Amino acid sequence: MLYVHNSSRVQGESHADLSSEIGVASFPSVRLLDDHGRVAAELDYLDLMESGRGLADHVDHLVAAIAKHADLLAQRRELDRELLIAELAIGKVGLADARRMVAAHETDASHEQRDKMMALLVDLEVRDLTSRNRELGGEALRARLAAMAKAERLPSDRLARRFWHHVLRHAVESADSDLYQKGVGDLRRRFAETPGYGKTLEHYESQLEQLRRRQADKEQGRLRR
């Protein structure tokens, strides 16, 4: 949209201070603004005089340069996201920095990138919590991991078994068969085809049935009273 700024100080003129706000020091001057009103490119009197090119040619050149700049920025953002995912995967980013960096990239990441970043961020949180087991105490650790599970904040495959080991124990301690079933279902989905893991799944499924029976017996006893 073309906007010709009136610098004659007409009473009631909107944006009366626009020229000074966007850094115009001489006339004629051209400023190209982005959607947020920020200066994207500028063209001053001396640029016009020294080039020998017309105003329209200059503006066309600036518009093309802005488009290229925006494209390169988008490419850099894409590379930055992929770099962040790689650094999260190899543990090069601490938890506090990871939270900040993931938040900065979350809005313009693809669904696949967002899922990867969030899973790797959860991995960092799980590692951080389990490394502080003695500080937190086993019961508090298990409760915090269980809260993550209930909020659908699940780690990647490489930490899923460690994660659910703690959460399933919490589910038994708190008689929460729904949480236990959620864990067994997630482990089955991820590792049913993993050689040697079938026995572990059978054990968990057996414990789930025992937990359900204990809950049912407790409920029947309550009703009899």
C-alpha atoms as a PDB file:
ATOM      1  CA  MET A   1       0.000   0.000   0.000  1.00  0.00           C
ATOM      2  CA  LEU A   2       1.356   3.418  -0.977  1.00  0.00           C
ATOM      3  CA  TYR A   3       1.301   5.999   1.794  1.00  0.00           C
ATOM      4  CA  VAL A   4       2.401   9.543   0.985  1.00  0.00           C
ATOM      5  CA  HIS A   5       3.311  11.326   4.180  1.00  0.00           C
ATOM      6  CA  ASN A   6       2.270  14.942   4.454  1.00  0.00           C
ATOM      7  CA  SER A   7       5.050  16.850   6.216  1.00  0.00           C
ATOM      8  CA  SER A   8       3.316  20.234   6.165  1.00  0.00           C
ATOM      9  CA  ARG A   9       1.920  19.828   9.694  1.00  0.00           C
ATOM     10  CA  VAL A  10      -1.736  20.067   8.664  1.00  0.00           C
ATOM     11  CA  GLN A  11      -3.918  20.203  11.749  1.00  0.00           C
ATOM     12  CA  GLY A  12      -5.463  16.841  12.494  1.00  0.00           C
ATOM     13  CA  GLU A  13      -3.045  14.940  10.243  1.00  0.00           C
ATOM     14  CA  SER A  14      -2.708  11.313  11.343  1.00  0.00           C
ATOM     15  CA  HIS A  15       0.827  10.060  11.976  1.00  0.00           C
ATOM     16  CA  ALA A  16       2.140  13.621  12.112  1.00  0.00           C
ATOM     17  CA  ASP A  17       5.518  12.461  13.454  1.00  0.00           C
ATOM     18  CA  LEU A  18       5.920   9.501  11.134  1.00  0.00           C
ATOM     19  CA  SER A  19       8.880  10.896   9.183  1.00  0.00           C
ATOM     20  CA  SER A  20      10.979  11.389  12.311  1.00  0.00           C
ATOM     21  CA  GLU A  21       9.832   8.070  13.773  1.00  0.00           C
ATOM     22  CA  ILE A  22      11.131   6.136  10.764  1.00  0.00           C
ATOM     23  CA  GLY A  23      14.330   8.102  10.373  1.00  0.00           C
ATOM     24  CA  VAL A  24      13.658  10.386   7.408  1.00  0.00           C
ATOM     25  CA  ALA A  25      16.292  13.150   7.365  1.00  0.00           C
ATOM     26  CA  SER A  26      15.948  14.534   3.822  1.00  0.00           C
ATOM     27  CA  PHE A  27      13.429  14.779   1.015  1.00  0.00           C
ATOM     28  CA  PRO A  28      12.530  13.041  -1.175  1.00  0.00           C
ATOM     29  CA  SER A  29      12.896   9.786   0.807  1.00  0.00           C
ATOM     30  CA  VAL A  30      11.280   6.376   0.534  1.00  0.00           C
ATOM     31  CA  ARG A  31      10.750   3.951   3.376  1.00  0.00           C
ATOM     32  CA  LEU A  32       9.300   0.471   2.881  1.00  0.00           C
ATOM     33  CA  LEU A  33       7.570  -0.792   6.022  1.00  0.00           C
ATOM     34  CA  ASP A  34       6.657  -4.346   6.949  1.00  0.00           C
ATOM     35  CA  ASP A  35       3.319  -5.562   8.330  1.00  0.00           C
ATOM     36  CA  HIS A  36       4.320  -4.372  11.802  1.00  0.00           C
ATOM     37  CA  GLY A  37       5.235  -0.856  10.710  1.00  0.00           C
ATOM     38  CA  ARG A  38       8.972  -1.478  10.990  1.00  0.00           C
ATOM     39  CA  VAL A  39      11.364  -0.144   8.344  1.00  0.00           C
ATOM     40  CA  ALA A  40      12.231  -2.968   5.974  1.00  0.00           C
ATOM     41  CA  ALA A  41      14.258  -0.900   3.493  1.00  0.00           C
ATOM     42  CA  GLU A  42      15.087   2.752   2.851  1.00  0.00           C
ATOM     43  CA  LEU A  43      15.963   4.973  -0.060  1.00  0.00           C
ATOM     44  CA  ASP A  44      17.111   8.568   0.352  1.00  0.00           C
ATOM     45  CA  TYR A  45      17.648  11.541  -1.961  1.00  0.00           C
ATOM     46  CA  LEU A  46      21.364  10.881  -2.493  1.00  0.00           C
ATOM     47  CA  ASP A  47      20.665   7.272  -3.499  1.00  0.00           C
ATOM     48  CA  LEU A  48      18.362   8.530  -6.220  1.00  0.00           C
ATOM     49  CA  MET A  49      20.726  11.243  -7.430  1.00  0.00           C
ATOM     50  CA  GLU A  50      23.882   9.137  -7.567  1.00  0.00           C
ATOM     51  CA  SER A  51      22.443   6.066  -9.245  1.00  0.00           C
ATOM     52  CA  GLY A  52      20.821   7.747 -12.215  1.00  0.00           C
ATOM     53  CA  ARG A  53      17.935   5.286 -11.934  1.00  0.00           C
ATOM     54  CA  GLY A  54      14.294   6.216 -11.586  1.00  0.00           C
ATOM     55  CA  LEU A  55      12.319   5.922  -8.374  1.00  0.00           C
ATOM     56  CA  ALA A  56      10.206   3.034  -9.679  1.00  0.00           C
ATOM     57  CA  ASP A  57      13.312   1.013 -10.584  1.00  0.00           C
ATOM     58  CA  HIS A  58      14.780   1.647  -7.152  1.00  0.00           C
ATOM     59  CA  VAL A  59      11.586   0.549  -5.394  1.00  0.00           C
ATOM     60  CA  ASP A  60      11.359  -2.613  -7.529  1.00  0.00           C
ATOM     61  CA  HIS A  61      14.954  -3.430  -6.603  1.00  0.00           C
ATOM     62  CA  LEU A  62      14.264  -2.901  -2.904  1.00  0.00           C
ATOM     63  CA  VAL A  63      11.115  -5.038  -2.967  1.00  0.00           C
ATOM     64  CA  ALA A  64      13.068  -7.882  -4.617  1.00  0.00           C
ATOM     65  CA  ALA A  65      15.859  -7.516  -2.038  1.00  0.00           C
ATOM     66  CA  ILE A  66      13.348  -7.604   0.827  1.00  0.00           C
ATOM     67  CA  ALA A  67      11.766 -10.762  -0.573  1.00  0.00           C
ATOM     68  CA  LYS A  68      15.177 -12.439  -0.878  1.00  0.00           C
ATOM     69  CA  HIS A  69      16.097 -11.355   2.637  1.00  0.00           C
ATOM     70  CA  ALA A  70      12.857 -12.806   4.014  1.00  0.00           C
ATOM     71  CA  ASP A  71      13.465 -16.070   2.166  1.00  0.00           C
ATOM     72  CA  LEU A  72      17.010 -16.352   3.514  1.00  0.00           C
ATOM     73  CA  LEU A  73      15.788 -15.615   7.042  1.00  0.00           C
ATOM     74  CA  ALA A  74      13.198 -18.377   6.721  1.00  0.00           C
ATOM     75  CA  GLN A  75      15.898 -20.780   5.537  1.00  0.00           C
ATOM     76  CA  ARG A  76      18.113 -19.809   8.458  1.00  0.00           C
ATOM     77  CA  ARG A  77      15.245 -20.314  10.900  1.00  0.00           C
ATOM     78  CA  GLU A  78      14.653 -23.753   9.422  1.00  0.00           C
ATOM     79  CA  LEU A  79      18.329 -24.651   9.800  1.00  0.00           C
ATOM     80  CA  ASP A  80      18.337 -23.244  13.340  1.00  0.00           C
ATOM     81  CA  ARG A  81      15.402 -25.510  14.251  1.00  0.00           C
ATOM     82  CA  GLU A  82      17.095 -28.588  12.805  1.00  0.00           C
ATOM     83  CA  LEU A  83      20.331 -27.649  14.603  1.00  0.00           C
ATOM     84  CA  LEU A  84      18.431 -27.274  17.879  1.00  0.00           C
ATOM     85  CA  ILE A  85      16.856 -30.714  17.438  1.00  0.00           C
ATOM     86  CA  ALA A  86      20.305 -32.224  16.801  1.00  0.00           C
ATOM     87  CA  GLU A  87      21.812 -30.474  19.832  1.00  0.00           C
ATOM     88  CA  LEU A  88      18.940 -31.579  22.061  1.00  0.00           C
ATOM     89  CA  ALA A  89      19.431 -35.150  20.839  1.00  0.00           C
ATOM     90  CA  ILE A  90      23.119 -35.215  21.794  1.00  0.00           C
ATOM     91  CA  GLY A  91      22.665 -33.356  25.067  1.00  0.00           C
ATOM     92  CA  LYS A  92      24.510 -30.174  24.137  1.00  0.00           C
ATOM     93  CA  VAL A  93      21.825 -27.881  25.570  1.00  0.00           C
ATOM     94  CA  GLY A  94      20.989 -27.521  29.256  1.00  0.00           C
ATOM     95  CA  LEU A  95      17.405 -27.745  30.475  1.00  0.00           C
ATOM     96  CA  ALA A  96      16.869 -24.020  31.109  1.00  0.00           C
ATOM     97  CA  ASP A  97      18.331 -23.007  27.727  1.00  0.00           C
ATOM     98  CA  ALA A  98      16.413 -25.794  25.992  1.00  0.00           C
ATOM     99  CA  ARG A  99      13.093 -24.544  27.361  1.00  0.00           C
ATOM    100  CA  ARG A 100      13.838 -21.014  26.171  1.00  0.00           C
ATOM    101  CA  MET A 101      15.047 -22.112  22.723  1.00  0.00           C
ATOM    102  CA  VAL A 102      12.169 -24.526  22.117  1.00  0.00           C
ATOM    103  CA  ALA A 103       9.670 -21.807  23.085  1.00  0.00           C
ATOM    104  CA  ALA A 104      11.311 -19.435  20.579  1.00  0.00           C
ATOM    105  CA  HIS A 105      10.923 -21.957  17.735  1.00  0.00           C
ATOM    106  CA  GLU A 106       7.658 -23.627  18.671  1.00  0.00           C
ATOM    107  CA  THR A 107       5.244 -21.345  16.797  1.00  0.00           C
ATOM    108  CA  ASP A 108       6.829 -21.619  13.347  1.00  0.00           C
ATOM    109  CA  ALA A 109       8.032 -25.234  13.575  1.00  0.00           C
ATOM    110  CA  SER A 110       6.346 -27.994  11.591  1.00  0.00           C
ATOM    111  CA  HIS A 111       4.244 -30.554  13.494  1.00  0.00           C
ATOM    112  CA  GLU A 112       7.031 -33.099  13.093  1.00  0.00           C
ATOM    113  CA  GLN A 113       9.685 -30.679  14.356  1.00  0.00           C
ATOM    114  CA  ARG A 114       7.490 -29.610  17.272  1.00  0.00           C
ATOM    115  CA  ASP A 115       6.885 -33.223  18.300  1.00  0.00           C
ATOM    116  CA  LYS A 116      10.622 -33.955  18.166  1.00  0.00           C
ATOM    117  CA  MET A 117      11.551 -30.864  20.159  1.00  0.00           C
ATOM    118  CA  MET A 118       8.922 -31.488  22.820  1.00  0.00           C
ATOM    119  CA  ALA A 119       9.892 -35.150  23.226  1.00  0.00           C
ATOM    120  CA  LEU A 120      13.575 -34.246  23.526  1.00  0.00           C
ATOM    121  CA  LEU A 121      12.713 -31.492  25.996  1.00  0.00           C
ATOM    122  CA  VAL A 122      10.797 -34.025  28.088  1.00  0.00           C
ATOM    123  CA  ASP A 123      13.865 -36.291  27.894  1.00  0.00           C
ATOM    124  CA  LEU A 124      15.936 -33.524  29.435  1.00  0.00           C
ATOM    125  CA  GLU A 125      13.385 -33.027  32.195  1.00  0.00           C
ATOM    126  CA  VAL A 126      13.257 -36.763  32.937  1.00  0.00           C
ATOM    127  CA  ARG A 127      17.038 -36.925  33.087  1.00  0.00           C
ATOM    128  CA  ASP A 128      17.126 -33.878  35.341  1.00  0.00           C
ATOM    129  CA  LEU A 129      14.549 -35.339  37.743  1.00  0.00           C
ATOM    130  CA  THR A 130      16.023 -38.840  37.879  1.00  0.00           C
ATOM    131  CA  SER A 131      19.499 -37.404  38.463  1.00  0.00           C
ATOM    132  CA  ARG A 132      18.083 -35.706  41.579  1.00  0.00           C
ATOM    133  CA  ASN A 133      16.480 -38.853  42.954  1.00  0.00           C
ATOM    134  CA  ARG A 134      18.312 -38.654  46.296  1.00  0.00           C
ATOM    135  CA  GLU A 135      17.574 -34.957  46.631  1.00  0.00           C
ATOM    136  CA  LEU A 136      13.865 -35.271  45.824  1.00  0.00           C
ATOM    137  CA  GLY A 137      13.203 -38.651  47.372  1.00  0.00           C
ATOM    138  CA  GLY A 138      11.758 -41.598  45.461  1.00  0.00           C
ATOM    139  CA  GLU A 139       8.116 -40.883  46.242  1.00  0.00           C
ATOM    140  CA  ALA A 140       8.325 -37.232  45.148  1.00  0.00           C
ATOM    141  CA  LEU A 141      10.249 -38.183  42.007  1.00  0.00           C
ATOM    142  CA  ARG A 142       7.655 -40.758  41.023  1.00  0.00           C
ATOM    143  CA  ALA A 143       4.814 -38.313  41.683  1.00  0.00           C
ATOM    144  CA  ARG A 144       6.361 -35.668  39.446  1.00  0.00           C
ATOM    145  CA  LEU A 145       6.944 -38.124  36.621  1.00  0.00           C
ATOM    146  CA  ALA A 146       3.381 -39.391  37.010  1.00  0.00           C
ATOM    147  CA  ALA A 147       2.094 -35.819  36.669  1.00  0.00           C
ATOM    148  CA  MET A 148       4.030 -35.530  33.404  1.00  0.00           C
ATOM    149  CA  ALA A 149       2.478 -38.781  32.161  1.00  0.00           C
ATOM    150  CA  LYS A 150      -1.043 -37.616  33.002  1.00  0.00           C
ATOM    151  CA  ALA A 151      -0.374 -34.378  31.106  1.00  0.00           C
ATOM    152  CA  GLU A 152       0.711 -36.403  28.029  1.00  0.00           C
ATOM    153  CA  ARG A 153       4.295 -35.144  28.403  1.00  0.00           C
ATOM    154  CA  LEU A 154       6.019 -38.363  27.408  1.00  0.00           C
ATOM    155  CA  PRO A 155       9.710 -38.899  26.604  1.00  0.00           C
ATOM    156  CA  SER A 156      11.231 -40.407  23.484  1.00  0.00           C
ATOM    157  CA  ASP A 157      11.724 -44.163  23.107  1.00  0.00           C
ATOM    158  CA  ARG A 158      15.206 -44.096  24.577  1.00  0.00           C
ATOM    159  CA  LEU A 159      13.905 -42.939  27.989  1.00  0.00           C
ATOM    160  CA  ALA A 160      10.380 -44.363  27.886  1.00  0.00           C
ATOM    161  CA  ARG A 161      11.189 -47.550  29.803  1.00  0.00           C
ATOM    162  CA  ARG A 162      13.019 -45.682  32.566  1.00  0.00           C
ATOM    163  CA  PHE A 163      10.178 -43.154  32.731  1.00  0.00           C
ATOM    164  CA  TRP A 164       7.388 -45.716  32.946  1.00  0.00           C
ATOM    165  CA  HIS A 165       9.294 -47.832  35.484  1.00  0.00           C
ATOM    166  CA  HIS A 166       8.920 -44.976  37.970  1.00  0.00           C
ATOM    167  CA  VAL A 167       5.397 -44.013  36.884  1.00  0.00           C
ATOM    168  CA  LEU A 168       4.017 -47.560  37.086  1.00  0.00           C
ATOM    169  CA  ARG A 169       5.400 -47.918  40.581  1.00  0.00           C
ATOM    170  CA  HIS A 170       3.623 -44.689  41.510  1.00  0.00           C
ATOM    171  CA  ALA A 171       0.419 -46.038  39.963  1.00  0.00           C
ATOM    172  CA  VAL A 172       0.624 -49.146  42.175  1.00  0.00           C
ATOM    173  CA  GLU A 173       1.374 -47.085  45.278  1.00  0.00           C
ATOM    174  CA  SER A 174      -1.561 -44.758  44.584  1.00  0.00           C
ATOM    175  CA  ALA A 175      -3.885 -47.543  43.340  1.00  0.00           C
ATOM    176  CA  ASP A 176      -4.323 -45.784  40.006  1.00  0.00           C
ATOM    177  CA  SER A 177      -5.216 -48.493  37.492  1.00  0.00           C
ATOM    178  CA  ASP A 178      -6.015 -45.951  34.771  1.00  0.00           C
ATOM    179  CA  LEU A 179      -2.493 -44.548  34.926  1.00  0.00           C
ATOM    180  CA  TYR A 180      -1.036 -48.052  35.013  1.00  0.00           C
ATOM    181  CA  GLN A 181      -3.077 -49.029  31.953  1.00  0.00           C
ATOM    182  CA  LYS A 182      -1.895 -45.888  30.172  1.00  0.00           C
ATOM    183  CA  GLY A 183       1.722 -46.844  30.819  1.00  0.00           C
ATOM    184  CA  VAL A 184       1.320 -50.456  29.729  1.00  0.00           C
ATOM    185  CA  GLY A 185      -0.441 -49.318  26.554  1.00  0.00           C
ATOM    186  CA  ASP A 186       2.330 -46.873  25.697  1.00  0.00           C
ATOM    187  CA  LEU A 187       5.050 -49.462  26.346  1.00  0.00           C
ATOM    188  CA  ARG A 188       3.197 -52.037  24.253  1.00  0.00           C
ATOM    189  CA  ARG A 189       2.812 -49.561  21.403  1.00  0.00           C
ATOM    190  CA  ARG A 190       6.504 -48.716  21.430  1.00  0.00           C
ATOM    191  CA  PHE A 191       8.204 -51.996  22.284  1.00  0.00           C
ATOM    192  CA  ALA A 192       5.877 -54.914  21.482  1.00  0.00           C
ATOM    193  CA  GLU A 193       8.182 -55.922  18.621  1.00  0.00           C
ATOM    194  CA  THR A 194      11.404 -55.452  20.621  1.00  0.00           C
ATOM    195  CA  PRO A 195      13.158 -58.826  21.070  1.00  0.00           C
ATOM    196  CA  GLY A 196      13.098 -59.993  24.675  1.00  0.00           C
ATOM    197  CA  TYR A 197      10.629 -57.378  25.910  1.00  0.00           C
ATOM    198  CA  GLY A 198       7.540 -59.585  25.728  1.00  0.00           C
ATOM    199  CA  LYS A 199       8.126 -61.053  29.214  1.00  0.00           C
ATOM    200  CA  THR A 200       8.321 -57.572  30.716  1.00  0.00           C
ATOM    201  CA  LEU A 201       5.026 -56.606  29.085  1.00  0.00           C
ATOM    202  CA  GLU A 202       3.404 -59.807  30.386  1.00  0.00           C
ATOM    203  CA  HIS A 203       4.589 -58.964  33.893  1.00  0.00           C
ATOM    204  CA  TYR A 204       3.161 -55.438  33.657  1.00  0.00           C
ATOM    205  CA  GLU A 205      -0.154 -56.736  32.300  1.00  0.00           C
ATOM    206  CA  SER A 206      -0.368 -59.241  35.158  1.00  0.00           C
ATOM    207  CA  GLN A 207       0.253 -56.447  37.671  1.00  0.00           C
ATOM    208  CA  LEU A 208      -2.448 -54.367  35.980  1.00  0.00           C
ATOM    209  CA  GLU A 209      -4.996 -57.152  36.470  1.00  0.00           C
ATOM    210  CA  GLN A 210      -4.004 -57.509  40.131  1.00  0.00           C
ATOM    211  CA  LEU A 211      -4.354 -53.749  40.634  1.00  0.00           C
ATOM    212  CA  ARG A 212      -7.798 -53.766  39.041  1.00  0.00           C
ATOM    213  CA  ARG A 213      -8.922 -56.655  41.266  1.00  0.00           C
ATOM    214  CA  ARG A 214      -7.687 -54.905  44.416  1.00  0.00           C
ATOM    215  CA  GLN A 215      -9.533 -51.735  43.401  1.00  0.00           C
ATOM    216  CA  ALA A 216     -12.719 -53.724  42.687  1.00  0.00           C
ATOM    217  CA  ASP A 217     -12.504 -55.535  46.033  1.00  0.00           C
ATOM    218  CA  LYS A 218     -11.958 -52.258  47.847  1.00  0.00           C
ATOM    219  CA  GLU A 219     -14.952 -50.694  46.105  1.00  0.00           C
ATOM    220  CA  GLN A 220     -17.189 -53.661  46.972  1.00  0.00           C
ATOM    221  CA  GLY A 221     -16.102 -53.467  50.599  1.00  0.00           C
ATOM    222  CA  ARG A 222     -16.947 -49.775  50.695  1.00  0.00           C
ATOM    223  CA  LEU A 223     -20.407 -50.421  49.238  1.00  0.00           C
ATOM    224  CA  ARG A 224     -21.162 -53.148  51.822  1.00  0.00           C
ATOM    225  CA  ARG A 225     -20.517 -50.684  54.616  1.00  0.00           C
END
